[in-house]
N, C-alpha and C. Protein backbone atom coordinates (compact mmCIF):
# COMPACT_ATOMS: atom_id res chain seq x y z
N MET A 1 104.65 95.52 85.61
CA MET A 1 103.36 96.40 86.29
C MET A 1 104.42 96.06 87.92
N THR A 2 102.75 97.40 88.78
CA THR A 2 103.84 97.15 90.24
C THR A 2 102.46 96.07 90.49
N VAL A 3 103.04 95.61 91.99
CA VAL A 3 101.83 94.77 92.60
C VAL A 3 100.43 94.87 92.65
N ALA A 4 99.55 96.26 93.12
CA ALA A 4 98.67 96.49 92.95
C ALA A 4 98.71 96.61 91.41
N GLU A 5 99.65 96.97 90.66
CA GLU A 5 98.21 96.69 89.62
C GLU A 5 97.74 94.97 89.22
N SER A 6 98.50 93.73 89.10
CA SER A 6 98.47 92.65 89.24
C SER A 6 97.51 92.10 90.34
N LYS A 7 97.42 92.54 91.41
CA LYS A 7 97.07 91.97 91.70
C LYS A 7 95.22 92.37 91.34
N SER A 8 95.16 93.39 90.98
CA SER A 8 93.75 93.96 90.15
C SER A 8 92.96 93.09 89.13
N LEU A 9 94.20 92.61 88.78
CA LEU A 9 93.70 91.53 87.51
C LEU A 9 92.96 90.53 87.50
N LYS A 10 92.36 90.23 86.55
CA LYS A 10 91.04 89.10 86.22
C LYS A 10 91.03 87.90 85.48
N GLU A 11 90.70 86.80 85.87
CA GLU A 11 90.63 85.84 85.36
C GLU A 11 89.96 86.31 83.77
N GLY A 12 90.46 86.00 83.32
CA GLY A 12 90.35 86.60 81.33
C GLY A 12 91.51 87.51 81.26
N SER A 13 92.41 87.70 81.74
CA SER A 13 92.53 89.18 81.49
C SER A 13 93.84 88.90 80.36
N ARG A 14 94.31 89.57 79.35
CA ARG A 14 95.20 89.46 78.69
C ARG A 14 96.93 90.05 78.94
N VAL A 15 97.56 89.54 79.34
CA VAL A 15 98.92 89.96 79.87
C VAL A 15 100.29 90.24 78.85
N TYR A 16 100.80 90.60 78.58
CA TYR A 16 102.16 90.80 78.05
C TYR A 16 103.78 91.08 78.02
N TRP A 17 104.79 90.01 77.93
CA TRP A 17 106.32 89.72 78.40
C TRP A 17 106.94 90.75 77.61
N ARG A 18 106.98 91.80 78.52
CA ARG A 18 108.32 93.10 77.88
C ARG A 18 107.05 93.54 77.06
N GLY A 19 105.87 93.59 77.04
CA GLY A 19 104.88 94.62 76.39
C GLY A 19 104.82 94.04 74.87
N ASP A 20 105.79 93.28 74.22
CA ASP A 20 105.38 92.89 72.93
C ASP A 20 104.62 91.22 72.78
N ALA A 21 104.04 92.03 71.34
CA ALA A 21 102.23 92.08 71.31
C ALA A 21 102.68 90.21 71.35
N ASN A 22 103.29 90.03 70.41
CA ASN A 22 103.61 88.50 69.57
C ASN A 22 104.47 87.62 71.29
N ASP A 23 104.09 88.56 71.93
CA ASP A 23 104.41 87.00 73.12
C ASP A 23 103.58 87.28 74.10
N SER A 24 102.10 86.75 74.36
CA SER A 24 101.04 87.54 75.01
C SER A 24 100.53 85.98 75.51
N GLY A 25 99.86 86.77 76.78
CA GLY A 25 99.02 85.15 77.85
C GLY A 25 98.00 85.83 78.38
N ARG A 26 97.43 84.31 78.84
CA ARG A 26 95.91 84.89 79.42
C ARG A 26 95.80 84.41 81.26
N ILE A 27 95.02 85.45 81.98
CA ILE A 27 95.34 84.86 83.78
C ILE A 27 94.76 83.91 83.42
N THR A 28 94.65 83.04 84.77
CA THR A 28 93.84 82.19 84.02
C THR A 28 93.05 81.58 85.80
N GLU A 29 94.03 82.47 86.88
CA GLU A 29 93.94 82.14 87.69
C GLU A 29 94.95 83.53 88.59
N THR A 30 93.62 83.36 89.92
CA THR A 30 94.98 84.63 90.75
C THR A 30 94.13 84.35 92.06
N SER A 31 95.17 84.50 92.96
CA SER A 31 95.13 84.62 94.42
C SER A 31 95.97 84.98 95.22
N TRP A 32 95.47 85.60 96.09
CA TRP A 32 96.56 86.21 97.07
C TRP A 32 97.59 86.79 96.51
N ASP A 33 98.10 85.98 95.96
CA ASP A 33 99.67 86.00 96.35
C ASP A 33 101.33 86.03 95.12
N ALA A 34 99.29 85.39 94.06
CA ALA A 34 100.21 85.46 93.27
C ALA A 34 99.06 85.51 91.65
N VAL A 35 98.91 84.89 90.26
CA VAL A 35 98.75 84.91 89.38
C VAL A 35 99.00 83.96 88.01
N THR A 36 98.59 82.78 87.94
CA THR A 36 98.38 82.25 86.78
C THR A 36 98.52 82.33 85.94
N ILE A 37 99.06 82.06 84.56
CA ILE A 37 99.33 82.51 83.02
C ILE A 37 99.48 81.37 82.22
N ALA A 38 98.53 81.74 81.65
CA ALA A 38 98.83 80.99 80.45
C ALA A 38 98.90 81.13 78.90
N TRP A 39 100.59 81.08 78.71
CA TRP A 39 100.90 81.55 77.50
C TRP A 39 100.59 80.96 76.35
N ASP A 40 100.68 81.91 75.28
CA ASP A 40 100.19 81.72 73.62
C ASP A 40 100.93 80.05 73.61
N ASN A 41 102.37 80.20 73.68
CA ASN A 41 102.89 79.13 73.22
C ASN A 41 102.84 78.47 73.95
N GLY A 42 102.26 78.24 75.06
CA GLY A 42 101.97 76.79 75.40
C GLY A 42 101.87 76.51 76.87
N GLN A 43 103.09 77.42 77.22
CA GLN A 43 103.74 77.45 78.90
C GLN A 43 102.61 78.10 79.80
N VAL A 44 102.62 76.98 80.86
CA VAL A 44 101.84 77.77 82.22
C VAL A 44 102.71 78.34 83.48
N ALA A 45 102.79 79.35 84.10
CA ALA A 45 103.33 79.59 85.19
C ALA A 45 102.79 80.40 85.47
N THR A 46 102.87 80.62 87.41
CA THR A 46 102.73 80.94 88.10
C THR A 46 103.69 81.49 88.94
N VAL A 47 102.60 83.38 88.66
CA VAL A 47 104.21 84.65 89.19
C VAL A 47 103.43 85.68 90.46
N HIS A 48 104.45 85.50 91.45
CA HIS A 48 103.53 86.58 92.53
C HIS A 48 103.90 87.97 92.04
N HIS A 49 103.40 88.25 92.51
CA HIS A 49 102.68 89.58 92.06
C HIS A 49 103.97 90.43 92.47
N GLY A 50 104.86 89.94 93.49
CA GLY A 50 106.09 91.00 93.43
C GLY A 50 106.96 90.35 91.73
N ASP A 51 106.61 90.20 91.59
CA ASP A 51 107.63 89.79 90.37
C ASP A 51 107.13 89.94 88.90
N MET A 52 106.44 90.85 89.23
CA MET A 52 105.42 91.09 87.19
C MET A 52 105.91 92.42 86.93
N ARG A 53 106.56 92.96 87.23
CA ARG A 53 107.89 94.15 86.51
C ARG A 53 107.87 94.14 85.48
N GLU A 54 107.66 92.65 84.56
CA GLU A 54 108.04 92.28 83.35
C GLU A 54 107.01 92.04 82.71
N ILE A 55 105.90 91.89 83.00
CA ILE A 55 105.05 91.34 82.46
C ILE A 55 103.78 92.93 82.37
N GLU A 56 102.97 93.69 81.39
CA GLU A 56 102.53 94.61 81.18
C GLU A 56 100.72 94.22 80.28
N ARG A 57 100.09 94.87 80.79
CA ARG A 57 98.88 94.64 80.70
C ARG A 57 98.01 95.47 79.35
N ALA A 58 99.04 95.92 78.67
CA ALA A 58 98.73 96.79 77.31
C ALA A 58 100.04 96.17 76.06
N PRO A 59 99.95 95.76 74.81
CA PRO A 59 101.01 95.75 73.71
C PRO A 59 102.20 96.78 74.01
N ALA A 60 103.25 97.22 73.72
CA ALA A 60 103.67 98.30 73.22
C ALA A 60 104.20 98.24 72.45
N ARG A 61 105.02 96.65 72.06
CA ARG A 61 105.20 97.42 70.61
C ARG A 61 105.02 95.82 69.47
N ARG A 62 105.14 96.01 68.47
CA ARG A 62 104.57 94.74 67.79
C ARG A 62 105.39 94.36 67.48
N GLY A 63 105.87 92.50 66.83
CA GLY A 63 107.73 92.50 66.66
C GLY A 63 109.20 92.74 66.63
N ALA A 64 108.56 93.24 68.45
CA ALA A 64 110.21 93.42 69.06
C ALA A 64 110.95 91.75 68.63
N ARG A 65 110.77 90.85 68.43
CA ARG A 65 112.29 89.98 68.48
C ARG A 65 113.15 89.93 68.07
């Protein structure tokens, strides 16, 4: 997603790594420069808006592993 799309995310929004429906998480915090994602696999990551290129708002495919 773009920087503008990332900045528009709200807490609770679901996101997907590379559009993979099996690799998703929820936005738990937003700030002026980053979002925090609680991934379904238990990991938590803070990702800057400019580094969200591989994260998508909707799943593009299922079972792509």
